[in-house]
Amino acid sequence: MKLLKLMLVTGLLIAACQNKSVKLPVLDVTGIQDTIYNNTQVWIFFELQGNDTITKLNRNNTVSTTHWVYNIDRRLTLKQIVPHLQDLFAKREKPSLHQSEEPVNNYFSYVDTLSNRLSMVLFNNTEFITDKSYTKDPDSINITANTRDMLIRQSPSGIYLDSELITADNIQKELLKLKDTSRLNVHLIFDKNLSYQDYMHLKAILQNVKDDSIYIDEKEYVLLN
């Protein structure tokens, strides 16, 4: 990765050839730590202009045939980030004259305090649903036969598994406890004012749920309007 410096204590990542830095999410969760060769860096910076928070995107020199590593400031909120991500994901999916023969992935970076290393969450098939198809009714969200459907709702005030308030650290244990002979189908609903730090905390935890009976829906609901 083309980085000048990573300060693990604060999660400060400094972009090469730029006088800018990103404060990455700092999480006590193990993630993907493989060396990602043939990658392009995508940066989303946090800036203050007066009393306003400004989101600055830098995707210069992104190459469609490479892995994309997203470095996003933890102080931003989903309503500031998601529109950029939707545009980038759409551009990523457009047909290109130069198609890679090998699969290319999207990774979101953070600092893992357990190993003091830069780690990542895989975001290959994530789709953000931000229009009125958002719903609080589990009976109208992608119900599949022979599954038990659960909703995880996350807002600045906390995380709810259906109607029960739980901590992020207990999510994996609760999901494993709730699964039965039927497949567990988990749908994610996020408040637009949720910080990227808290969002990535949940996503990193869910990435570590390794059970064939638990499916995490790749459609994520974020009502922006």
Protein backbone atom coordinates (compact mmCIF):
# COMPACT_ATOMS: atom_id res chain seq x y z
CA MET A 1 0.00 0.00 0.00
CA LYS A 2 1.26 3.48 -0.83
CA LEU A 3 1.15 4.99 2.65
CA LEU A 4 3.54 7.39 4.31
CA LYS A 5 2.79 6.55 7.89
CA LEU A 6 0.34 4.61 10.03
CA MET A 7 0.15 5.63 13.68
CA LEU A 8 -1.48 2.62 15.31
CA VAL A 9 -2.29 4.27 18.63
CA THR A 10 -4.59 6.87 17.05
CA GLY A 11 -5.38 5.11 13.78
CA LEU A 12 -3.93 8.05 11.86
CA LEU A 13 -3.20 7.15 8.25
CA ILE A 14 -1.34 9.67 6.10
CA ALA A 15 -1.87 9.63 2.36
CA ALA A 16 1.19 9.47 0.17
CA CYS A 17 1.89 12.55 -1.95
CA GLN A 18 -0.84 14.47 -0.07
CA ASN A 19 -0.78 16.73 2.95
CA LYS A 20 -3.86 15.00 4.34
CA SER A 21 -4.61 12.31 6.87
CA VAL A 22 -7.45 9.96 7.74
CA LYS A 23 -8.34 8.82 11.24
CA LEU A 24 -9.22 5.18 10.65
CA PRO A 25 -11.66 3.25 12.84
CA VAL A 26 -9.82 1.73 15.81
CA LEU A 27 -11.39 -1.61 16.77
CA ASP A 28 -10.62 -4.49 19.10
CA VAL A 29 -11.71 -6.96 16.42
CA THR A 30 -9.56 -9.21 14.25
CA GLY A 31 -9.95 -8.68 10.51
CA ILE A 32 -8.33 -9.58 7.22
CA GLN A 33 -4.59 -8.97 7.50
CA ASP A 34 -3.34 -10.50 4.27
CA THR A 35 -1.03 -8.36 2.18
CA ILE A 36 -3.16 -7.00 -0.67
CA TYR A 37 -1.01 -6.75 -3.75
CA ASN A 38 -2.11 -4.91 -6.90
CA ASN A 39 -4.29 -2.42 -5.05
CA THR A 40 -5.62 1.10 -5.48
CA GLN A 41 -6.26 3.39 -2.51
CA VAL A 42 -9.56 5.26 -2.16
CA TRP A 43 -9.62 8.04 0.42
CA ILE A 44 -12.59 9.76 2.07
CA PHE A 45 -11.35 12.64 4.23
CA PHE A 46 -12.97 14.56 7.09
CA GLU A 47 -12.66 18.34 6.84
CA LEU A 48 -14.12 21.26 8.77
CA GLN A 49 -15.20 24.44 7.00
CA GLY A 50 -16.49 26.80 9.64
CA ASN A 51 -19.09 24.85 11.59
CA ASP A 52 -19.72 22.40 8.75
CA THR A 53 -18.23 18.96 8.27
CA ILE A 54 -17.13 18.41 4.68
CA THR A 55 -16.51 15.05 3.07
CA LYS A 56 -13.64 15.00 0.58
CA LEU A 57 -13.28 12.04 -1.76
CA ASN A 58 -10.00 11.23 -3.49
CA ARG A 59 -10.07 8.35 -5.94
CA ASN A 60 -7.34 9.59 -8.27
CA ASN A 61 -5.71 6.91 -10.38
CA THR A 62 -8.13 4.17 -9.36
CA VAL A 63 -7.70 1.20 -11.67
CA SER A 64 -10.65 -1.13 -12.26
CA THR A 65 -8.41 -4.19 -12.59
CA THR A 66 -6.96 -3.78 -9.08
CA HIS A 67 -8.26 -4.40 -5.57
CA TRP A 68 -9.66 -1.20 -4.04
CA VAL A 69 -8.75 -0.40 -0.44
CA TYR A 70 -11.02 2.24 1.12
CA ASN A 71 -9.51 4.46 3.83
CA ILE A 72 -12.39 6.38 5.41
CA ASP A 73 -12.27 8.78 8.35
CA ARG A 74 -14.03 7.37 11.41
CA ARG A 75 -15.53 10.77 12.34
CA LEU A 76 -17.81 10.82 9.32
CA THR A 77 -21.40 9.58 9.40
CA LEU A 78 -23.19 7.21 7.06
CA LYS A 79 -25.23 10.01 5.49
CA GLN A 80 -21.93 11.63 4.48
CA ILE A 81 -20.27 8.44 3.23
CA VAL A 82 -22.94 6.24 1.66
CA PRO A 83 -23.67 8.44 -1.43
CA HIS A 84 -19.96 8.34 -2.31
CA LEU A 85 -19.85 4.57 -1.82
CA GLN A 86 -22.91 4.04 -4.00
CA ASP A 87 -21.28 6.01 -6.82
CA LEU A 88 -17.98 4.16 -6.46
CA PHE A 89 -19.63 0.75 -6.35
CA ALA A 90 -21.64 1.62 -9.48
CA LYS A 91 -18.50 2.73 -11.34
CA ARG A 92 -16.76 -0.42 -10.21
CA GLU A 93 -19.47 -2.59 -11.77
CA LYS A 94 -19.47 -0.86 -15.17
CA PRO A 95 -18.07 -2.96 -18.03
CA SER A 96 -14.50 -2.06 -18.89
CA LEU A 97 -12.25 -2.66 -21.88
CA HIS A 98 -9.62 -3.83 -19.42
CA GLN A 99 -11.16 -6.63 -17.39
CA SER A 100 -9.07 -8.44 -14.81
CA GLU A 101 -8.65 -12.16 -15.29
CA GLU A 102 -8.47 -12.54 -11.51
CA PRO A 103 -11.25 -11.54 -9.08
CA VAL A 104 -10.79 -8.07 -7.61
CA ASN A 105 -12.16 -7.07 -4.23
CA ASN A 106 -13.25 -4.06 -2.20
CA TYR A 107 -11.67 -3.77 1.26
CA PHE A 108 -12.41 -1.24 4.02
CA SER A 109 -9.45 -0.60 6.33
CA TYR A 110 -9.23 -0.12 10.09
CA VAL A 111 -6.74 -0.55 12.92
CA ASP A 112 -6.98 -3.79 14.89
CA THR A 113 -5.82 -3.06 18.45
CA LEU A 114 -5.60 -6.78 19.30
CA SER A 115 -2.69 -7.26 16.91
CA ASN A 116 -1.69 -3.61 16.39
CA ARG A 117 -2.00 -4.08 12.67
CA LEU A 118 -3.88 -2.58 9.77
CA SER A 119 -6.84 -4.87 9.08
CA MET A 120 -9.72 -4.96 6.62
CA VAL A 121 -13.35 -5.90 6.10
CA LEU A 122 -14.36 -7.35 2.73
CA PHE A 123 -17.16 -5.38 1.00
CA ASN A 124 -17.55 -7.13 -2.33
CA ASN A 125 -21.32 -7.50 -2.66
CA THR A 126 -22.64 -4.86 -0.28
CA GLU A 127 -25.59 -2.88 -1.65
CA PHE A 128 -26.93 0.17 0.18
CA ILE A 129 -30.71 0.65 0.01
CA THR A 130 -31.44 4.31 0.77
CA ASP A 131 -34.89 4.97 -0.70
CA LYS A 132 -38.42 4.28 0.49
CA SER A 133 -37.95 0.53 0.15
CA TYR A 134 -36.46 0.85 3.63
CA THR A 135 -38.81 -0.80 6.09
CA LYS A 136 -39.10 -1.68 9.74
CA ASP A 137 -41.36 -4.60 8.97
CA PRO A 138 -39.39 -7.89 8.89
CA ASP A 139 -42.25 -9.56 7.04
CA SER A 140 -41.49 -7.47 3.96
CA ILE A 141 -37.70 -7.81 3.89
CA ASN A 142 -36.47 -10.59 1.63
CA ILE A 143 -38.16 -13.41 3.50
CA THR A 144 -36.98 -16.83 2.42
CA ALA A 145 -38.63 -20.14 3.09
CA ASN A 146 -37.21 -22.28 5.90
CA THR A 147 -35.34 -19.40 7.48
CA ARG A 148 -35.68 -17.44 10.66
CA ASP A 149 -35.37 -13.74 9.85
CA MET A 150 -33.75 -11.36 12.32
CA LEU A 151 -33.23 -7.61 12.19
CA ILE A 152 -30.17 -5.84 13.52
CA ARG A 153 -30.82 -2.10 13.88
CA GLN A 154 -27.93 0.19 14.74
CA SER A 155 -28.17 3.86 15.66
CA PRO A 156 -26.05 6.23 17.77
CA SER A 157 -28.09 5.11 20.78
CA GLY A 158 -27.22 1.42 20.45
CA ILE A 159 -27.72 -1.90 18.67
CA TYR A 160 -30.99 -3.84 18.69
CA LEU A 161 -31.41 -7.47 17.73
CA ASP A 162 -35.08 -7.36 16.79
CA SER A 163 -36.40 -5.42 19.81
CA GLU A 164 -33.69 -6.37 22.31
CA LEU A 165 -30.87 -3.94 23.11
CA ILE A 166 -27.52 -5.73 22.97
CA THR A 167 -23.85 -4.84 22.98
CA ALA A 168 -21.67 -5.20 19.90
CA ASP A 169 -19.42 -7.68 21.69
CA ASN A 170 -22.38 -10.02 22.32
CA ILE A 171 -23.75 -10.08 18.77
CA GLN A 172 -21.92 -13.19 17.62
CA LYS A 173 -22.85 -15.10 20.77
CA GLU A 174 -26.51 -14.09 20.47
CA LEU A 175 -26.73 -15.09 16.81
CA LEU A 176 -25.19 -18.49 17.51
CA LYS A 177 -27.62 -18.97 20.38
CA LEU A 178 -30.66 -18.03 18.28
CA LYS A 179 -29.92 -20.24 15.29
CA ASP A 180 -31.78 -23.53 15.16
CA THR A 181 -32.32 -26.19 12.51
CA SER A 182 -33.48 -23.45 10.15
CA ARG A 183 -31.13 -20.99 8.54
CA LEU A 184 -30.80 -17.63 10.29
CA ASN A 185 -31.24 -14.72 7.88
CA VAL A 186 -29.91 -11.45 9.33
CA HIS A 187 -30.93 -8.07 7.86
CA LEU A 188 -29.09 -4.84 8.72
CA ILE A 189 -30.72 -1.44 9.21
CA PHE A 190 -28.56 1.59 10.00
CA ASP A 191 -29.37 5.10 11.17
CA LYS A 192 -28.01 7.74 8.79
CA ASN A 193 -26.39 9.59 11.71
CA LEU A 194 -24.37 6.55 12.79
CA SER A 195 -20.64 7.19 12.88
CA TYR A 196 -18.41 5.25 10.50
CA GLN A 197 -16.43 4.10 13.57
CA ASP A 198 -19.50 2.36 15.05
CA TYR A 199 -20.63 1.04 11.67
CA MET A 200 -17.26 -0.60 11.04
CA HIS A 201 -17.25 -2.09 14.53
CA LEU A 202 -20.43 -4.01 13.75
CA LYS A 203 -19.27 -4.96 10.25
CA ALA A 204 -15.95 -6.29 11.52
CA ILE A 205 -17.73 -8.40 14.14
CA LEU A 206 -20.20 -9.82 11.61
CA GLN A 207 -17.35 -10.70 9.24
CA ASN A 208 -16.11 -13.09 11.93
CA VAL A 209 -19.42 -14.96 12.17
CA LYS A 210 -18.37 -18.18 10.47
CA ASP A 211 -21.42 -20.42 10.41
CA ASP A 212 -23.18 -21.83 7.35
CA SER A 213 -26.53 -21.54 9.14
CA ILE A 214 -26.20 -17.76 9.54
CA TYR A 215 -26.55 -15.56 6.46
CA ILE A 216 -25.85 -11.83 6.68
CA ASP A 217 -27.92 -10.03 4.04
CA GLU A 218 -25.67 -8.04 1.68
CA LYS A 219 -28.40 -5.42 1.24
CA GLU A 220 -28.00 -2.80 3.95
CA TYR A 221 -30.81 -0.34 4.67
CA VAL A 222 -29.87 3.29 5.35
CA LEU A 223 -32.70 5.82 5.02
CA LEU A 224 -31.00 9.06 3.94
CA ASN A 225 -34.06 11.24 3.29
